[in-house]
Amino acid sequence: MLKIASRFGIIGRNLTSSAGRNATPKVAPLQAAALEEKCILVDEFDTPLGEASKRDCHRVTGEGDVLLHRAFSVFLFNKNGDLLLQKRSSSK
């Protein structure tokens, strides 16, 4: 990951939480495949600089840095306007 960061001059985001620090849990094959999907690496002005896998984009270095990349969120509403939420596990 540091090779990618230095090659593209990537601006990283610093995380103080240890929740995502390079843990390598066992994942289902479908999730493993999803982690290999490509994300667009960007600078602080959203200029595309290259690409990296979701796995690499969400890997946190020992210094708390991650690669800056484009992302999106999906919100699901029913016909009453209620938002569907999924609670994240407290162990993540």
PDB file of N, CA and C in Angstrom:
ATOM      1  N   MET A   1       0.830  -1.189   0.000  1.00  0.00           N
ATOM      2  CA  MET A   1       0.000   0.000   0.000  1.00  0.00           C
ATOM      3  C   MET A   1       0.873   1.250   0.000  1.00  0.00           C
ATOM      4  N   LEU A   2       1.950   1.249   0.757  1.00  0.00           N
ATOM      5  CA  LEU A   2       2.817   2.423   0.771  1.00  0.00           C
ATOM      6  C   LEU A   2       3.410   2.663  -0.603  1.00  0.00           C
ATOM      7  N   LYS A   3       3.675   1.571  -1.338  1.00  0.00           N
ATOM      8  CA  LYS A   3       4.180   1.698  -2.695  1.00  0.00           C
ATOM      9  C   LYS A   3       3.160   2.438  -3.562  1.00  0.00           C
ATOM     10  N   ILE A   4       1.890   2.067  -3.452  1.00  0.00           N
ATOM     11  CA  ILE A   4       0.834   2.750  -4.207  1.00  0.00           C
ATOM     12  C   ILE A   4       0.770   4.213  -3.802  1.00  0.00           C
ATOM     13  N   ALA A   5       0.800   4.469  -2.510  1.00  0.00           N
ATOM     14  CA  ALA A   5       0.691   5.841  -2.019  1.00  0.00           C
ATOM     15  C   ALA A   5       1.832   6.702  -2.535  1.00  0.00           C
ATOM     16  N   SER A   6       3.061   6.188  -2.482  1.00  0.00           N
ATOM     17  CA  SER A   6       4.189   7.002  -2.924  1.00  0.00           C
ATOM     18  C   SER A   6       4.201   7.141  -4.444  1.00  0.00           C
ATOM     19  N   ARG A   7       3.770   6.100  -5.154  1.00  0.00           N
ATOM     20  CA  ARG A   7       3.765   6.143  -6.609  1.00  0.00           C
ATOM     21  C   ARG A   7       2.825   7.218  -7.134  1.00  0.00           C
ATOM     22  N   PHE A   8       1.675   7.374  -6.509  1.00  0.00           N
ATOM     23  CA  PHE A   8       0.696   8.344  -6.971  1.00  0.00           C
ATOM     24  C   PHE A   8       0.707   9.631  -6.157  1.00  0.00           C
ATOM     25  N   GLY A   9       1.519   9.726  -5.117  1.00  0.00           N
ATOM     26  CA  GLY A   9       1.514  10.902  -4.264  1.00  0.00           C
ATOM     27  C   GLY A   9       0.183  11.056  -3.554  1.00  0.00           C
ATOM     28  N   ILE A  10      -0.383   9.955  -3.100  1.00  0.00           N
ATOM     29  CA  ILE A  10      -1.718   9.949  -2.510  1.00  0.00           C
ATOM     30  C   ILE A  10      -1.739  10.694  -1.185  1.00  0.00           C
ATOM     31  N   ILE A  11      -2.789  11.469  -1.012  1.00  0.00           N
ATOM     32  CA  ILE A  11      -3.052  12.123   0.260  1.00  0.00           C
ATOM     33  C   ILE A  11      -3.852  11.147   1.099  1.00  0.00           C
ATOM     34  N   GLY A  12      -3.397  10.845   2.284  1.00  0.00           N
ATOM     35  CA  GLY A  12      -4.096   9.896   3.147  1.00  0.00           C
ATOM     36  C   GLY A  12      -4.940  10.595   4.183  1.00  0.00           C
ATOM     37  N   ARG A  13      -5.864   9.833   4.750  1.00  0.00           N
ATOM     38  CA  ARG A  13      -6.689  10.324   5.846  1.00  0.00           C
ATOM     39  C   ARG A  13      -6.188   9.604   7.084  1.00  0.00           C
ATOM     40  N   ASN A  14      -6.052  10.309   8.192  1.00  0.00           N
ATOM     41  CA  ASN A  14      -5.549   9.700   9.414  1.00  0.00           C
ATOM     42  C   ASN A  14      -6.699   9.244  10.285  1.00  0.00           C
ATOM     43  N   LEU A  15      -6.640   7.990  10.708  1.00  0.00           N
ATOM     44  CA  LEU A  15      -7.657   7.430  11.584  1.00  0.00           C
ATOM     45  C   LEU A  15      -7.050   7.190  12.958  1.00  0.00           C
ATOM     46  N   THR A  16      -7.770   7.547  13.988  1.00  0.00           N
ATOM     47  CA  THR A  16      -7.264   7.320  15.334  1.00  0.00           C
ATOM     48  C   THR A  16      -7.811   6.046  15.938  1.00  0.00           C
ATOM     49  N   SER A  17      -8.875   5.499  15.359  1.00  0.00           N
ATOM     50  CA  SER A  17      -9.462   4.260  15.870  1.00  0.00           C
ATOM     51  C   SER A  17      -8.607   3.075  15.461  1.00  0.00           C
ATOM     52  N   SER A  18      -8.523   2.094  16.319  1.00  0.00           N
ATOM     53  CA  SER A  18      -7.777   0.885  15.981  1.00  0.00           C
ATOM     54  C   SER A  18      -8.690  -0.181  15.397  1.00  0.00           C
ATOM     55  N   ALA A  19      -9.960   0.136  15.189  1.00  0.00           N
ATOM     56  CA  ALA A  19     -10.941  -0.857  14.740  1.00  0.00           C
ATOM     57  C   ALA A  19     -10.575  -1.495  13.413  1.00  0.00           C
ATOM     58  N   GLY A  20     -10.004  -0.743  12.494  1.00  0.00           N
ATOM     59  CA  GLY A  20      -9.750  -1.298  11.175  1.00  0.00           C
ATOM     60  C   GLY A  20      -8.293  -1.545  10.868  1.00  0.00           C
ATOM     61  N   ARG A  21      -7.464  -1.593  11.846  1.00  0.00           N
ATOM     62  CA  ARG A  21      -6.025  -1.670  11.603  1.00  0.00           C
ATOM     63  C   ARG A  21      -5.567  -3.040  11.121  1.00  0.00           C
ATOM     64  N   ASN A  22      -5.543  -3.205   9.807  1.00  0.00           N
ATOM     65  CA  ASN A  22      -4.934  -4.355   9.161  1.00  0.00           C
ATOM     66  C   ASN A  22      -5.356  -5.706   9.693  1.00  0.00           C
ATOM     67  N   ALA A  23      -6.530  -5.802  10.242  1.00  0.00           N
ATOM     68  CA  ALA A  23      -7.031  -7.097  10.668  1.00  0.00           C
ATOM     69  C   ALA A  23      -7.289  -7.943   9.428  1.00  0.00           C
ATOM     70  N   THR A  24      -7.037  -9.225   9.513  1.00  0.00           N
ATOM     71  CA  THR A  24      -7.273 -10.106   8.378  1.00  0.00           C
ATOM     72  C   THR A  24      -8.212 -11.226   8.787  1.00  0.00           C
ATOM     73  N   PRO A  25      -9.473 -10.879   9.042  1.00  0.00           N
ATOM     74  CA  PRO A  25     -10.434 -11.913   9.430  1.00  0.00           C
ATOM     75  C   PRO A  25     -10.755 -12.813   8.243  1.00  0.00           C
ATOM     76  N   LYS A  26     -11.246 -14.010   8.527  1.00  0.00           N
ATOM     77  CA  LYS A  26     -11.697 -14.893   7.458  1.00  0.00           C
ATOM     78  C   LYS A  26     -12.990 -14.317   6.903  1.00  0.00           C
ATOM     79  N   VAL A  27     -13.087 -14.271   5.582  1.00  0.00           N
ATOM     80  CA  VAL A  27     -14.278 -13.722   4.945  1.00  0.00           C
ATOM     81  C   VAL A  27     -14.829 -14.732   3.944  1.00  0.00           C
ATOM     82  N   ALA A  28     -16.121 -14.622   3.677  1.00  0.00           N
ATOM     83  CA  ALA A  28     -16.775 -15.481   2.695  1.00  0.00           C
ATOM     84  C   ALA A  28     -16.219 -15.177   1.303  1.00  0.00           C
ATOM     85  N   PRO A  29     -16.256 -16.146   0.401  1.00  0.00           N
ATOM     86  CA  PRO A  29     -15.726 -15.933  -0.955  1.00  0.00           C
ATOM     87  C   PRO A  29     -16.330 -14.725  -1.670  1.00  0.00           C
ATOM     88  N   LEU A  30     -17.629 -14.506  -1.504  1.00  0.00           N
ATOM     89  CA  LEU A  30     -18.270 -13.361  -2.149  1.00  0.00           C
ATOM     90  C   LEU A  30     -17.722 -12.047  -1.600  1.00  0.00           C
ATOM     91  N   GLN A  31     -17.520 -11.980  -0.279  1.00  0.00           N
ATOM     92  CA  GLN A  31     -16.966 -10.773   0.327  1.00  0.00           C
ATOM     93  C   GLN A  31     -15.511 -10.589  -0.094  1.00  0.00           C
ATOM     94  N   ALA A  32     -14.761 -11.685  -0.173  1.00  0.00           N
ATOM     95  CA  ALA A  32     -13.362 -11.600  -0.598  1.00  0.00           C
ATOM     96  C   ALA A  32     -13.275 -11.033  -2.013  1.00  0.00           C
ATOM     97  N   ALA A  33     -14.177 -11.478  -2.888  1.00  0.00           N
ATOM     98  CA  ALA A  33     -14.196 -10.957  -4.260  1.00  0.00           C
ATOM     99  C   ALA A  33     -14.536  -9.471  -4.265  1.00  0.00           C
ATOM    100  N   ALA A  34     -15.484  -9.063  -3.428  1.00  0.00           N
ATOM    101  CA  ALA A  34     -15.868  -7.648  -3.357  1.00  0.00           C
ATOM    102  C   ALA A  34     -14.700  -6.785  -2.895  1.00  0.00           C
ATOM    103  N   LEU A  35     -13.870  -7.317  -2.014  1.00  0.00           N
ATOM    104  CA  LEU A  35     -12.719  -6.558  -1.513  1.00  0.00           C
ATOM    105  C   LEU A  35     -11.666  -6.323  -2.590  1.00  0.00           C
ATOM    106  N   GLU A  36     -11.736  -7.071  -3.684  1.00  0.00           N
ATOM    107  CA  GLU A  36     -10.785  -6.887  -4.782  1.00  0.00           C
ATOM    108  C   GLU A  36     -11.305  -5.914  -5.841  1.00  0.00           C
ATOM    109  N   GLU A  37     -12.552  -5.442  -5.694  1.00  0.00           N
ATOM    110  CA  GLU A  37     -13.077  -4.435  -6.621  1.00  0.00           C
ATOM    111  C   GLU A  37     -12.211  -3.184  -6.541  1.00  0.00           C
ATOM    112  N   LYS A  38     -12.127  -2.464  -7.640  1.00  0.00           N
ATOM    113  CA  LYS A  38     -11.258  -1.289  -7.711  1.00  0.00           C
ATOM    114  C   LYS A  38     -11.966  -0.018  -7.252  1.00  0.00           C
ATOM    115  N   CYS A  39     -11.218   0.827  -6.557  1.00  0.00           N
ATOM    116  CA  CYS A  39     -11.668   2.159  -6.143  1.00  0.00           C
ATOM    117  C   CYS A  39     -10.778   3.186  -6.832  1.00  0.00           C
ATOM    118  N   ILE A  40     -11.309   4.363  -7.069  1.00  0.00           N
ATOM    119  CA  ILE A  40     -10.549   5.443  -7.696  1.00  0.00           C
ATOM    120  C   ILE A  40      -9.834   6.234  -6.611  1.00  0.00           C
ATOM    121  N   LEU A  41      -8.508   6.270  -6.689  1.00  0.00           N
ATOM    122  CA  LEU A  41      -7.707   7.060  -5.752  1.00  0.00           C
ATOM    123  C   LEU A  41      -7.726   8.515  -6.204  1.00  0.00           C
ATOM    124  N   VAL A  42      -7.849   9.427  -5.243  1.00  0.00           N
ATOM    125  CA  VAL A  42      -7.934  10.855  -5.557  1.00  0.00           C
ATOM    126  C   VAL A  42      -7.037  11.659  -4.617  1.00  0.00           C
ATOM    127  N   ASP A  43      -6.777  12.914  -5.017  1.00  0.00           N
ATOM    128  CA  ASP A  43      -6.080  13.827  -4.118  1.00  0.00           C
ATOM    129  C   ASP A  43      -7.117  14.644  -3.354  1.00  0.00           C
ATOM    130  N   GLU A  44      -6.669  15.633  -2.602  1.00  0.00           N
ATOM    131  CA  GLU A  44      -7.594  16.420  -1.784  1.00  0.00           C
ATOM    132  C   GLU A  44      -8.559  17.265  -2.607  1.00  0.00           C
ATOM    133  N   PHE A  45      -8.316  17.379  -3.922  1.00  0.00           N
ATOM    134  CA  PHE A  45      -9.206  18.129  -4.809  1.00  0.00           C
ATOM    135  C   PHE A  45     -10.065  17.197  -5.665  1.00  0.00           C
ATOM    136  N   ASP A  46     -10.092  15.917  -5.332  1.00  0.00           N
ATOM    137  CA  ASP A  46     -10.855  14.880  -6.034  1.00  0.00           C
ATOM    138  C   ASP A  46     -10.344  14.633  -7.447  1.00  0.00           C
ATOM    139  N   THR A  47      -9.073  14.926  -7.690  1.00  0.00           N
ATOM    140  CA  THR A  47      -8.457  14.623  -8.974  1.00  0.00           C
ATOM    141  C   THR A  47      -8.077  13.148  -8.982  1.00  0.00           C
ATOM    142  N   PRO A  48      -8.543  12.370  -9.966  1.00  0.00           N
ATOM    143  CA  PRO A  48      -8.188  10.949 -10.015  1.00  0.00           C
ATOM    144  C   PRO A  48      -6.682  10.766 -10.183  1.00  0.00           C
ATOM    145  N   LEU A  49      -6.117   9.840  -9.412  1.00  0.00           N
ATOM    146  CA  LEU A  49      -4.679   9.599  -9.439  1.00  0.00           C
ATOM    147  C   LEU A  49      -4.320   8.163  -9.792  1.00  0.00           C
ATOM    148  N   GLY A  50      -5.283   7.281  -9.740  1.00  0.00           N
ATOM    149  CA  GLY A  50      -5.017   5.871  -9.994  1.00  0.00           C
ATOM    150  C   GLY A  50      -6.118   5.031  -9.391  1.00  0.00           C
ATOM    151  N   GLU A  51      -5.800   3.775  -9.137  1.00  0.00           N
ATOM    152  CA  GLU A  51      -6.796   2.894  -8.543  1.00  0.00           C
ATOM    153  C   GLU A  51      -6.128   1.922  -7.577  1.00  0.00           C
ATOM    154  N   ALA A  52      -6.931   1.384  -6.682  1.00  0.00           N
ATOM    155  CA  ALA A  52      -6.480   0.375  -5.723  1.00  0.00           C
ATOM    156  C   ALA A  52      -7.698  -0.454  -5.337  1.00  0.00           C
ATOM    157  N   SER A  53      -7.461  -1.633  -4.804  1.00  0.00           N
ATOM    158  CA  SER A  53      -8.571  -2.489  -4.385  1.00  0.00           C
ATOM    159  C   SER A  53      -9.260  -1.896  -3.159  1.00  0.00           C
ATOM    160  N   LYS A  54     -10.519  -2.306  -2.943  1.00  0.00           N
ATOM    161  CA  LYS A  54     -11.229  -1.881  -1.732  1.00  0.00           C
ATOM    162  C   LYS A  54     -10.434  -2.295  -0.507  1.00  0.00           C
ATOM    163  N   ARG A  55      -9.851  -3.484  -0.568  1.00  0.00           N
ATOM    164  CA  ARG A  55      -9.055  -3.974   0.565  1.00  0.00           C
ATOM    165  C   ARG A  55      -7.925  -2.990   0.881  1.00  0.00           C
ATOM    166  N   ASP A  56      -7.182  -2.576  -0.143  1.00  0.00           N
ATOM    167  CA  ASP A  56      -6.076  -1.642   0.087  1.00  0.00           C
ATOM    168  C   ASP A  56      -6.575  -0.266   0.519  1.00  0.00           C
ATOM    169  N   CYS A  57      -7.702   0.172  -0.028  1.00  0.00           N
ATOM    170  CA  CYS A  57      -8.244   1.487   0.327  1.00  0.00           C
ATOM    171  C   CYS A  57      -8.705   1.555   1.773  1.00  0.00           C
ATOM    172  N   HIS A  58      -9.086   0.427   2.338  1.00  0.00           N
ATOM    173  CA  HIS A  58      -9.590   0.416   3.709  1.00  0.00           C
ATOM    174  C   HIS A  58      -8.589  -0.139   4.704  1.00  0.00           C
ATOM    175  N   ARG A  59      -7.383  -0.413   4.253  1.00  0.00           N
ATOM    176  CA  ARG A  59      -6.325  -0.885   5.141  1.00  0.00           C
ATOM    177  C   ARG A  59      -5.719   0.330   5.842  1.00  0.00           C
ATOM    178  N   VAL A  60      -5.555   0.229   7.140  1.00  0.00           N
ATOM    179  CA  VAL A  60      -5.014   1.326   7.943  1.00  0.00           C
ATOM    180  C   VAL A  60      -3.559   1.012   8.281  1.00  0.00           C
ATOM    181  N   THR A  61      -2.663   1.955   8.021  1.00  0.00           N
ATOM    182  CA  THR A  61      -1.249   1.754   8.341  1.00  0.00           C
ATOM    183  C   THR A  61      -1.025   1.893   9.841  1.00  0.00           C
ATOM    184  N   GLY A  62       0.143   1.545  10.295  1.00  0.00           N
ATOM    185  CA  GLY A  62       0.505   1.706  11.698  1.00  0.00           C
ATOM    186  C   GLY A  62       0.427   3.151  12.154  1.00  0.00           C
ATOM    187  N   GLU A  63       0.556   4.087  11.217  1.00  0.00           N
ATOM    188  CA  GLU A  63       0.463   5.516  11.535  1.00  0.00           C
ATOM    189  C   GLU A  63      -0.976   6.015  11.502  1.00  0.00           C
ATOM    190  N   GLY A  64      -1.920   5.145  11.133  1.00  0.00           N
ATOM    191  CA  GLY A  64      -3.328   5.541  11.089  1.00  0.00           C
ATOM    192  C   GLY A  64      -3.763   6.133   9.766  1.00  0.00           C
ATOM    193  N   ASP A  65      -2.987   5.940   8.702  1.00  0.00           N
ATOM    194  CA  ASP A  65      -3.321   6.503   7.393  1.00  0.00           C
ATOM    195  C   ASP A  65      -4.065   5.495   6.524  1.00  0.00           C
ATOM    196  N   VAL A  66      -4.961   5.997   5.693  1.00  0.00           N
ATOM    197  CA  VAL A  66      -5.633   5.198   4.663  1.00  0.00           C
ATOM    198  C   VAL A  66      -5.569   5.972   3.353  1.00  0.00           C
ATOM    199  N   LEU A  67      -5.720   5.258   2.236  1.00  0.00           N
ATOM    200  CA  LEU A  67      -5.701   5.914   0.935  1.00  0.00           C
ATOM    201  C   LEU A  67      -6.993   6.697   0.724  1.00  0.00           C
ATOM    202  N   LEU A  68      -6.875   7.908   0.211  1.00  0.00           N
ATOM    203  CA  LEU A  68      -8.040   8.730  -0.087  1.00  0.00           C
ATOM    204  C   LEU A  68      -8.639   8.230  -1.399  1.00  0.00           C
ATOM    205  N   HIS A  69      -9.933   7.923  -1.380  1.00  0.00           N
ATOM    206  CA  HIS A  69     -10.586   7.355  -2.555  1.00  0.00           C
ATOM    207  C   HIS A  69     -12.039   7.804  -2.631  1.00  0.00           C
ATOM    208  N   ARG A  70     -12.586   7.692  -3.827  1.00  0.00           N
ATOM    209  CA  ARG A  70     -13.999   8.021  -4.012  1.00  0.00           C
ATOM    210  C   ARG A  70     -14.855   6.925  -3.399  1.00  0.00           C
ATOM    211  N   ALA A  71     -15.978   7.330  -2.843  1.00  0.00           N
ATOM    212  CA  ALA A  71     -16.903   6.381  -2.224  1.00  0.00           C
ATOM    213  C   ALA A  71     -18.318   6.928  -2.357  1.00  0.00           C
ATOM    214  N   PHE A  72     -19.279   6.081  -2.110  1.00  0.00           N
ATOM    215  CA  PHE A  72     -20.670   6.521  -2.143  1.00  0.00           C
ATOM    216  C   PHE A  72     -21.452   5.739  -1.102  1.00  0.00           C
ATOM    217  N   SER A  73     -22.610   6.243  -0.783  1.00  0.00           N
ATOM    218  CA  SER A  73     -23.507   5.583   0.167  1.00  0.00           C
ATOM    219  C   SER A  73     -24.857   5.385  -0.496  1.00  0.00           C
ATOM    220  N   VAL A  74     -25.551   4.347  -0.084  1.00  0.00           N
ATOM    221  CA  VAL A  74     -26.888   4.065  -0.587  1.00  0.00           C
ATOM    222  C   VAL A  74     -27.849   4.112   0.585  1.00  0.00           C
ATOM    223  N   PHE A  75     -28.947   4.835   0.433  1.00  0.00           N
ATOM    224  CA  PHE A  75     -29.977   4.924   1.464  1.00  0.00           C
ATOM    225  C   PHE A  75     -31.251   4.317   0.899  1.00  0.00           C
ATOM    226  N   LEU A  76     -31.860   3.416   1.651  1.00  0.00           N
ATOM    227  CA  LEU A  76     -33.066   2.724   1.208  1.00  0.00           C
ATOM    228  C   LEU A  76     -34.257   3.170   2.042  1.00  0.00           C
ATOM    229  N   PHE A  77     -35.285   3.698   1.365  1.00  0.00           N
ATOM    230  CA  PHE A  77     -36.502   4.165   2.023  1.00  0.00           C
ATOM    231  C   PHE A  77     -37.676   3.313   1.562  1.00  0.00           C
ATOM    232  N   ASN A  78     -38.637   3.069   2.463  1.00  0.00           N
ATOM    233  CA  ASN A  78     -39.870   2.396   2.052  1.00  0.00           C
ATOM    234  C   ASN A  78     -40.880   3.448   1.600  1.00  0.00           C
ATOM    235  N   LYS A  79     -42.085   3.011   1.211  1.00  0.00           N
ATOM    236  CA  LYS A  79     -43.082   3.951   0.683  1.00  0.00           C
ATOM    237  C   LYS A  79     -43.571   4.949   1.720  1.00  0.00           C
ATOM    238  N   ASN A  80     -43.330   4.676   3.015  1.00  0.00           N
ATOM    239  CA  ASN A  80     -43.708   5.610   4.080  1.00  0.00           C
ATOM    240  C   ASN A  80     -42.607   6.615   4.392  1.00  0.00           C
ATOM    241  N   GLY A  81     -41.497   6.497   3.684  1.00  0.00           N
ATOM    242  CA  GLY A  81     -40.386   7.405   3.925  1.00  0.00           C
ATOM    243  C   GLY A  81     -39.475   6.975   5.058  1.00  0.00           C
ATOM    244  N   ASP A  82     -39.668   5.738   5.563  1.00  0.00           N
ATOM    245  CA  ASP A  82     -38.802   5.233   6.632  1.00  0.00           C
ATOM    246  C   ASP A  82     -37.473   4.780   6.045  1.00  0.00           C
ATOM    247  N   LEU A  83     -36.402   5.116   6.716  1.00  0.00           N
ATOM    248  CA  LEU A  83     -35.062   4.742   6.281  1.00  0.00           C
ATOM    249  C   LEU A  83     -34.691   3.395   6.880  1.00  0.00           C
ATOM    250  N   LEU A  84     -34.239   2.464   6.045  1.00  0.00           N
ATOM    251  CA  LEU A  84     -33.770   1.174   6.517  1.00  0.00           C
ATOM    252  C   LEU A  84     -32.339   1.340   7.006  1.00  0.00           C
ATOM    253  N   LEU A  85     -32.089   0.946   8.234  1.00  0.00           N
ATOM    254  CA  LEU A  85     -30.747   1.022   8.810  1.00  0.00           C
ATOM    255  C   LEU A  85     -30.268  -0.364   9.179  1.00  0.00           C
ATOM    256  N   GLN A  86     -28.979  -0.590   9.011  1.00  0.00           N
ATOM    257  CA  GLN A  86     -28.370  -1.835   9.456  1.00  0.00           C
ATOM    258  C   GLN A  86     -27.369  -1.471  10.530  1.00  0.00           C
ATOM    259  N   LYS A  87     -27.543  -2.047  11.702  1.00  0.00           N
ATOM    260  CA  LYS A  87     -26.646  -1.746  12.809  1.00  0.00           C
ATOM    261  C   LYS A  87     -25.362  -2.545  12.646  1.00  0.00           C
ATOM    262  N   ARG A  88     -24.256  -1.866  12.774  1.00  0.00           N
ATOM    263  CA  ARG A  88     -22.958  -2.522  12.667  1.00  0.00           C
ATOM    264  C   ARG A  88     -22.676  -3.291  13.944  1.00  0.00           C
ATOM    265  N   SER A  89     -22.045  -4.420  13.808  1.00  0.00           N
ATOM    266  CA  SER A  89     -21.696  -5.242  14.953  1.00  0.00           C
ATOM    267  C   SER A  89     -20.781  -4.476  15.898  1.00  0.00           C
ATOM    268  N   SER A  90     -20.989  -4.622  17.187  1.00  0.00           N
ATOM    269  CA  SER A  90     -20.135  -3.932  18.166  1.00  0.00           C
ATOM    270  C   SER A  90     -18.727  -4.507  18.175  1.00  0.00           C
ATOM    271  N   SER A  91     -18.523  -5.667  17.564  1.00  0.00           N
ATOM    272  CA  SER A  91     -17.192  -6.275  17.542  1.00  0.00           C
ATOM    273  C   SER A  91     -16.369  -5.833  16.339  1.00  0.00           C
ATOM    274  N   LYS A  92     -16.886  -4.948  15.506  1.00  0.00           N
ATOM    275  CA  LYS A  92     -16.131  -4.469  14.339  1.00  0.00           C
ATOM    276  C   LYS A  92     -15.461  -3.170  14.653  1.00  0.00           C
TER     277      LYS A  92
END
